[in-house]
């Protein structure tokens, strides 16, 4: 029965979200930073990982540069 389906013509529309796909990564973040975003998530009702992503996206769009010194 699978041979009866033409998968390529089943849904010929391009995925409108394909340009906005996310990539899963592993990152080490301080516990206090995670706690901050989790508290903000409680206030706003937005998941904390989404808030972190929104913040980082905003930084990238505004081309923010971090000023820091190594100890």
Protein backbone atom coordinates (compact mmCIF):
# COMPACT_ATOMS: atom_id res chain seq x y z
CA UNK A 1 0.00 0.00 0.00
CA UNK A 2 2.91 2.41 0.66
CA UNK A 3 3.86 2.15 -2.98
CA UNK A 4 0.50 3.74 -3.85
CA UNK A 5 1.49 7.06 -2.20
CA UNK A 6 3.47 9.69 -4.06
CA UNK A 7 5.06 11.45 -1.09
CA UNK A 8 6.62 14.22 -3.19
CA UNK A 9 3.23 15.36 -4.43
CA UNK A 10 1.39 14.81 -1.16
CA UNK A 11 2.19 18.29 0.19
CA UNK A 12 4.12 20.30 -2.40
CA UNK A 13 4.11 23.52 -0.31
CA UNK A 14 7.39 24.64 1.18
CA UNK A 15 7.47 24.80 4.98
CA UNK A 16 7.00 28.52 5.82
CA UNK A 17 8.92 28.06 9.08
CA UNK A 18 11.98 26.36 7.59
CA UNK A 19 13.97 29.60 7.76
CA UNK A 20 13.20 29.95 11.47
CA UNK A 21 14.23 26.49 12.62
CA UNK A 22 16.21 26.29 15.82
CA UNK A 23 19.29 24.22 16.50
CA UNK A 24 19.70 22.44 19.82
CA UNK A 25 23.01 23.13 21.55
CA UNK A 26 24.57 22.50 24.95
CA UNK A 27 25.71 25.54 26.89
CA UNK A 28 26.94 26.08 30.45
CA UNK A 29 25.04 28.89 32.15
CA UNK A 30 25.46 30.04 35.74
CA UNK A 31 22.75 28.85 38.11
CA UNK A 32 21.95 32.43 39.12
CA UNK A 33 21.38 33.38 35.47
CA UNK A 34 19.03 30.44 34.96
CA UNK A 35 17.19 31.36 38.17
CA UNK A 36 16.79 34.92 36.89
CA UNK A 37 15.22 33.75 33.62
CA UNK A 38 13.04 31.19 35.41
CA UNK A 39 11.70 33.93 37.72
CA UNK A 40 11.07 36.14 34.69
CA UNK A 41 9.29 33.20 33.06
CA UNK A 42 6.99 32.91 36.08
CA UNK A 43 6.13 36.62 35.81
CA UNK A 44 5.54 36.65 32.06
CA UNK A 45 4.20 33.16 31.40
CA UNK A 46 6.83 32.69 28.69
CA UNK A 47 9.09 29.60 29.02
CA UNK A 48 12.54 30.51 30.32
CA UNK A 49 14.39 28.95 27.37
CA UNK A 50 12.29 31.07 25.03
CA UNK A 51 13.17 34.16 27.07
CA UNK A 52 16.87 33.35 26.85
CA UNK A 53 16.54 32.86 23.09
CA UNK A 54 14.64 36.15 22.72
CA UNK A 55 17.30 38.00 24.71
CA UNK A 56 20.17 36.54 22.70
CA UNK A 57 18.34 37.23 19.43
CA UNK A 58 17.82 40.85 20.49
CA UNK A 59 21.52 41.18 21.34
CA UNK A 60 22.51 39.76 17.94
CA UNK A 61 20.08 42.00 16.03
CA UNK A 62 21.37 45.09 17.83
CA UNK A 63 24.97 43.94 17.32
CA UNK A 64 25.68 44.37 21.03
CA UNK A 65 29.27 43.92 22.09
CA UNK A 66 30.17 42.56 25.52
CA UNK A 67 32.80 44.41 27.55
CA UNK A 68 34.64 42.11 29.91
CA UNK A 69 38.06 41.35 31.37
CA UNK A 70 39.55 37.96 32.12
CA UNK A 71 40.67 37.42 35.69
